[in-house]
Amino acid sequence: MTDRKRFMSFVKVSESGCWLWTGCTLDGYGRFQMPGKNWLAHRWAWKFIAGRDLPEELHHRCRVRRCVNPDHVSPTTKHEHPDNPTVINRLKTHCEHGHSFIEANTYIDSLGKRHCRKCRNDVQRDPAVVKAQQAKYYAANRLRIRAQQADYHRKQKRA
């Protein structure tokens, strides 16, 4: 059996045109084992089915990690990848409190991150604002914070 036929034996074509990987997966991505190397299945398809050079990253435009259809992925870099938090934040037009990220209301810190001047000034003027923001954050993330605290305490007991 050729490598291509073996690869395609793990593929099920969906109605949306996705080639869904039915073999082994890791973090939702298909894994294809070849002698001497384990491949991410979508990267193998890009190189050997589409016959294209491998880029630094491939982005699933269909948003389906199991999809190995070379027509559903596009080359990108880690810096430009749409799932990169830096890219996600760069696309935001407002801060979490609804203030516009316009030039007059935005400052860039030494790490290159954007911050809202209005929020920063409110916090510096009034400590009650800080407490209110912390309470709002805790309320929105209460379950995650409690899980982290419980995990921390379990680790401390083991040590």
C-alpha atoms as a PDB file:
ATOM      1  CA  MET A   1       0.000   0.000   0.000  1.00  0.00           C
ATOM      2  CA  THR A   2       1.385   3.416  -0.913  1.00  0.00           C
ATOM      3  CA  ASP A   3       1.847   6.114   1.721  1.00  0.00           C
ATOM      4  CA  ARG A   4      -0.918   8.161   0.097  1.00  0.00           C
ATOM      5  CA  LYS A   5      -3.401   5.257   0.156  1.00  0.00           C
ATOM      6  CA  ARG A   6      -2.515   4.479   3.764  1.00  0.00           C
ATOM      7  CA  PHE A   7      -2.986   8.154   4.666  1.00  0.00           C
ATOM      8  CA  MET A   8      -6.358   8.352   2.883  1.00  0.00           C
ATOM      9  CA  SER A   9      -7.544   5.191   4.679  1.00  0.00           C
ATOM     10  CA  PHE A  10      -7.688   7.365   7.840  1.00  0.00           C
ATOM     11  CA  VAL A  11      -9.744  10.105   6.141  1.00  0.00           C
ATOM     12  CA  LYS A  12     -13.519  10.511   6.118  1.00  0.00           C
ATOM     13  CA  VAL A  13     -14.847  13.317   3.914  1.00  0.00           C
ATOM     14  CA  SER A  14     -17.585  15.397   5.578  1.00  0.00           C
ATOM     15  CA  GLU A  15     -20.429  17.323   3.941  1.00  0.00           C
ATOM     16  CA  SER A  16     -18.549  20.581   4.566  1.00  0.00           C
ATOM     17  CA  GLY A  17     -15.590  19.322   2.520  1.00  0.00           C
ATOM     18  CA  CYS A  18     -13.395  18.684   5.562  1.00  0.00           C
ATOM     19  CA  TRP A  19     -11.234  15.576   5.395  1.00  0.00           C
ATOM     20  CA  LEU A  20     -11.740  14.364   8.954  1.00  0.00           C
ATOM     21  CA  TRP A  21      -8.854  12.370  10.405  1.00  0.00           C
ATOM     22  CA  THR A  22     -10.084   9.121  11.968  1.00  0.00           C
ATOM     23  CA  GLY A  23      -6.715   7.883  13.171  1.00  0.00           C
ATOM     24  CA  CYS A  24      -4.677   8.834  16.222  1.00  0.00           C
ATOM     25  CA  THR A  25      -4.984  12.443  17.437  1.00  0.00           C
ATOM     26  CA  LEU A  26      -3.113  14.683  19.856  1.00  0.00           C
ATOM     27  CA  ASP A  27      -4.808  17.861  21.131  1.00  0.00           C
ATOM     28  CA  GLY A  28      -7.387  17.379  18.380  1.00  0.00           C
ATOM     29  CA  TYR A  29      -4.836  17.290  15.539  1.00  0.00           C
ATOM     30  CA  GLY A  30      -4.395  14.146  13.466  1.00  0.00           C
ATOM     31  CA  ARG A  31      -1.124  12.226  13.838  1.00  0.00           C
ATOM     32  CA  PHE A  32       0.305  10.188  10.959  1.00  0.00           C
ATOM     33  CA  GLN A  33       3.135   7.784  11.651  1.00  0.00           C
ATOM     34  CA  MET A  34       5.703   7.178   8.953  1.00  0.00           C
ATOM     35  CA  PRO A  35       8.883   5.137   9.326  1.00  0.00           C
ATOM     36  CA  GLY A  36      11.329   7.399  11.114  1.00  0.00           C
ATOM     37  CA  LYS A  37       8.959  10.294  11.724  1.00  0.00           C
ATOM     38  CA  ASN A  38       5.598  11.169  13.265  1.00  0.00           C
ATOM     39  CA  TRP A  39       3.723  13.850  11.355  1.00  0.00           C
ATOM     40  CA  LEU A  40       0.829  16.142  12.103  1.00  0.00           C
ATOM     41  CA  ALA A  41      -1.559  14.766   9.507  1.00  0.00           C
ATOM     42  CA  HIS A  42      -2.517  18.147   8.030  1.00  0.00           C
ATOM     43  CA  ARG A  43       1.171  18.990   7.527  1.00  0.00           C
ATOM     44  CA  TRP A  44       1.793  15.627   5.813  1.00  0.00           C
ATOM     45  CA  ALA A  45      -1.166  16.296   3.498  1.00  0.00           C
ATOM     46  CA  TRP A  46       0.135  19.786   2.732  1.00  0.00           C
ATOM     47  CA  LYS A  47       3.570  18.445   1.769  1.00  0.00           C
ATOM     48  CA  PHE A  48       2.797  15.120   0.104  1.00  0.00           C
ATOM     49  CA  ILE A  49      -0.760  15.431  -1.245  1.00  0.00           C
ATOM     50  CA  ALA A  50      -0.694  19.107  -2.220  1.00  0.00           C
ATOM     51  CA  GLY A  51       3.034  18.984  -3.020  1.00  0.00           C
ATOM     52  CA  ARG A  52       3.791  22.297  -1.316  1.00  0.00           C
ATOM     53  CA  ASP A  53       6.762  23.334   0.812  1.00  0.00           C
ATOM     54  CA  LEU A  54       6.054  23.288   4.548  1.00  0.00           C
ATOM     55  CA  PRO A  55       5.648  26.751   6.094  1.00  0.00           C
ATOM     56  CA  GLU A  56       6.362  27.598   9.736  1.00  0.00           C
ATOM     57  CA  GLU A  57       2.658  27.201  10.645  1.00  0.00           C
ATOM     58  CA  LEU A  58      -0.545  26.106   8.951  1.00  0.00           C
ATOM     59  CA  HIS A  59      -3.854  27.676   9.965  1.00  0.00           C
ATOM     60  CA  HIS A  60      -7.101  25.678   9.719  1.00  0.00           C
ATOM     61  CA  ARG A  61      -9.409  28.154   7.998  1.00  0.00           C
ATOM     62  CA  CYS A  62     -12.307  25.733   8.592  1.00  0.00           C
ATOM     63  CA  ARG A  63     -11.491  25.818  12.350  1.00  0.00           C
ATOM     64  CA  VAL A  64     -11.585  21.981  12.515  1.00  0.00           C
ATOM     65  CA  ARG A  65      -8.350  20.587  13.963  1.00  0.00           C
ATOM     66  CA  ARG A  66      -9.027  17.063  12.656  1.00  0.00           C
ATOM     67  CA  CYS A  67      -9.354  18.383   9.089  1.00  0.00           C
ATOM     68  CA  VAL A  68      -6.452  17.338   6.836  1.00  0.00           C
ATOM     69  CA  ASN A  69      -7.781  18.822   3.577  1.00  0.00           C
ATOM     70  CA  PRO A  70      -4.887  20.882   2.134  1.00  0.00           C
ATOM     71  CA  ASP A  71      -7.438  23.329   0.682  1.00  0.00           C
ATOM     72  CA  HIS A  72      -8.722  24.102   4.197  1.00  0.00           C
ATOM     73  CA  VAL A  73      -5.380  25.229   5.627  1.00  0.00           C
ATOM     74  CA  SER A  74      -3.267  28.238   4.806  1.00  0.00           C
ATOM     75  CA  PRO A  75       0.382  29.047   5.520  1.00  0.00           C
ATOM     76  CA  THR A  76       1.134  31.559   8.236  1.00  0.00           C
ATOM     77  CA  THR A  77       3.765  32.383  10.850  1.00  0.00           C
ATOM     78  CA  LYS A  78       3.449  32.022  14.630  1.00  0.00           C
ATOM     79  CA  HIS A  79       3.323  35.814  14.874  1.00  0.00           C
ATOM     80  CA  GLU A  80       0.481  36.117  12.323  1.00  0.00           C
ATOM     81  CA  HIS A  81      -1.514  33.003  13.342  1.00  0.00           C
ATOM     82  CA  PRO A  82      -5.124  34.007  14.137  1.00  0.00           C
ATOM     83  CA  ASP A  83      -5.150  31.901  17.342  1.00  0.00           C
ATOM     84  CA  ASN A  84      -2.118  33.741  18.720  1.00  0.00           C
ATOM     85  CA  PRO A  85      -3.295  35.891  21.688  1.00  0.00           C
ATOM     86  CA  THR A  86      -1.204  38.801  20.408  1.00  0.00           C
ATOM     87  CA  VAL A  87      -3.099  38.754  17.123  1.00  0.00           C
ATOM     88  CA  ILE A  88      -6.449  38.397  18.893  1.00  0.00           C
ATOM     89  CA  ASN A  89      -5.673  41.387  21.130  1.00  0.00           C
ATOM     90  CA  ARG A  90      -4.344  43.426  18.210  1.00  0.00           C
ATOM     91  CA  LEU A  91      -7.752  43.095  16.528  1.00  0.00           C
ATOM     92  CA  LYS A  92      -9.663  44.429  19.548  1.00  0.00           C
ATOM     93  CA  THR A  93     -11.103  47.920  19.077  1.00  0.00           C
ATOM     94  CA  HIS A  94     -12.116  48.508  22.732  1.00  0.00           C
ATOM     95  CA  CYS A  95     -10.730  47.656  26.176  1.00  0.00           C
ATOM     96  CA  GLU A  96     -12.625  45.295  28.492  1.00  0.00           C
ATOM     97  CA  HIS A  97     -14.474  48.291  29.977  1.00  0.00           C
ATOM     98  CA  GLY A  98     -15.669  49.557  26.587  1.00  0.00           C
ATOM     99  CA  HIS A  99     -13.218  52.426  26.014  1.00  0.00           C
ATOM    100  CA  SER A 100     -12.043  52.853  22.408  1.00  0.00           C
ATOM    101  CA  PHE A 101      -8.464  51.967  21.514  1.00  0.00           C
ATOM    102  CA  ILE A 102      -7.903  55.263  19.700  1.00  0.00           C
ATOM    103  CA  GLU A 103      -4.448  56.828  19.668  1.00  0.00           C
ATOM    104  CA  ALA A 104      -5.321  59.444  22.326  1.00  0.00           C
ATOM    105  CA  ASN A 105      -6.614  56.759  24.715  1.00  0.00           C
ATOM    106  CA  THR A 106      -3.966  54.078  24.133  1.00  0.00           C
ATOM    107  CA  TYR A 107      -0.445  53.658  25.376  1.00  0.00           C
ATOM    108  CA  ILE A 108       2.049  50.916  24.569  1.00  0.00           C
ATOM    109  CA  ASP A 109       4.148  49.499  27.411  1.00  0.00           C
ATOM    110  CA  SER A 110       7.789  48.385  27.158  1.00  0.00           C
ATOM    111  CA  LEU A 111       6.674  44.879  26.094  1.00  0.00           C
ATOM    112  CA  GLY A 112       4.620  46.276  23.212  1.00  0.00           C
ATOM    113  CA  LYS A 113       1.223  45.636  24.836  1.00  0.00           C
ATOM    114  CA  ARG A 114      -1.644  48.110  24.429  1.00  0.00           C
ATOM    115  CA  HIS A 115      -3.345  49.590  27.478  1.00  0.00           C
ATOM    116  CA  CYS A 116      -6.304  51.890  27.969  1.00  0.00           C
ATOM    117  CA  ARG A 117      -5.296  55.281  29.410  1.00  0.00           C
ATOM    118  CA  LYS A 118      -8.787  55.941  30.821  1.00  0.00           C
ATOM    119  CA  CYS A 119      -8.791  52.684  32.810  1.00  0.00           C
ATOM    120  CA  ARG A 120      -5.242  53.304  34.009  1.00  0.00           C
ATOM    121  CA  ASN A 121      -6.078  56.827  35.155  1.00  0.00           C
ATOM    122  CA  ASP A 122      -9.267  55.674  36.920  1.00  0.00           C
ATOM    123  CA  VAL A 123      -7.316  53.042  38.843  1.00  0.00           C
ATOM    124  CA  GLN A 124      -4.565  55.450  39.837  1.00  0.00           C
ATOM    125  CA  ARG A 125      -7.068  58.026  41.115  1.00  0.00           C
ATOM    126  CA  ASP A 126      -9.415  55.817  43.093  1.00  0.00           C
ATOM    127  CA  PRO A 127      -8.460  52.648  45.011  1.00  0.00           C
ATOM    128  CA  ALA A 128     -12.177  51.782  45.179  1.00  0.00           C
ATOM    129  CA  VAL A 129     -12.083  51.333  41.403  1.00  0.00           C
ATOM    130  CA  VAL A 130      -9.321  48.772  41.847  1.00  0.00           C
ATOM    131  CA  LYS A 131     -11.417  46.834  44.362  1.00  0.00           C
ATOM    132  CA  ALA A 132     -14.472  47.007  42.108  1.00  0.00           C
ATOM    133  CA  GLN A 133     -12.466  45.732  39.130  1.00  0.00           C
ATOM    134  CA  GLN A 134     -10.980  42.928  41.222  1.00  0.00           C
ATOM    135  CA  ALA A 135     -14.444  41.932  42.467  1.00  0.00           C
ATOM    136  CA  LYS A 136     -15.779  41.931  38.905  1.00  0.00           C
ATOM    137  CA  TYR A 137     -12.842  39.792  37.735  1.00  0.00           C
ATOM    138  CA  TYR A 138     -13.280  37.346  40.627  1.00  0.00           C
ATOM    139  CA  ALA A 139     -17.025  37.043  39.971  1.00  0.00           C
ATOM    140  CA  ALA A 140     -16.414  36.307  36.288  1.00  0.00           C
ATOM    141  CA  ASN A 141     -13.614  33.812  36.995  1.00  0.00           C
ATOM    142  CA  ARG A 142     -14.668  32.410  40.375  1.00  0.00           C
ATOM    143  CA  LEU A 143     -14.801  28.750  39.372  1.00  0.00           C
ATOM    144  CA  ARG A 144     -11.436  28.821  37.597  1.00  0.00           C
ATOM    145  CA  ILE A 145      -9.779  30.639  40.515  1.00  0.00           C
ATOM    146  CA  ARG A 146     -11.212  28.179  43.058  1.00  0.00           C
ATOM    147  CA  ALA A 147     -10.011  25.241  40.964  1.00  0.00           C
ATOM    148  CA  GLN A 148      -6.514  26.752  40.819  1.00  0.00           C
ATOM    149  CA  GLN A 149      -6.531  27.320  44.571  1.00  0.00           C
ATOM    150  CA  ALA A 150      -7.674  23.749  45.248  1.00  0.00           C
ATOM    151  CA  ASP A 151      -4.984  22.418  42.907  1.00  0.00           C
ATOM    152  CA  TYR A 152      -2.352  24.522  44.676  1.00  0.00           C
ATOM    153  CA  HIS A 153      -3.415  23.225  48.105  1.00  0.00           C
ATOM    154  CA  ARG A 154      -3.410  19.600  46.884  1.00  0.00           C
ATOM    155  CA  LYS A 155       0.158  20.057  45.638  1.00  0.00           C
ATOM    156  CA  GLN A 156       1.193  21.597  48.957  1.00  0.00           C
ATOM    157  CA  LYS A 157      -0.197  18.611  50.870  1.00  0.00           C
ATOM    158  CA  ARG A 158       1.762  16.191  48.671  1.00  0.00           C
ATOM    159  CA  ALA A 159       5.045  18.050  49.171  1.00  0.00           C
END
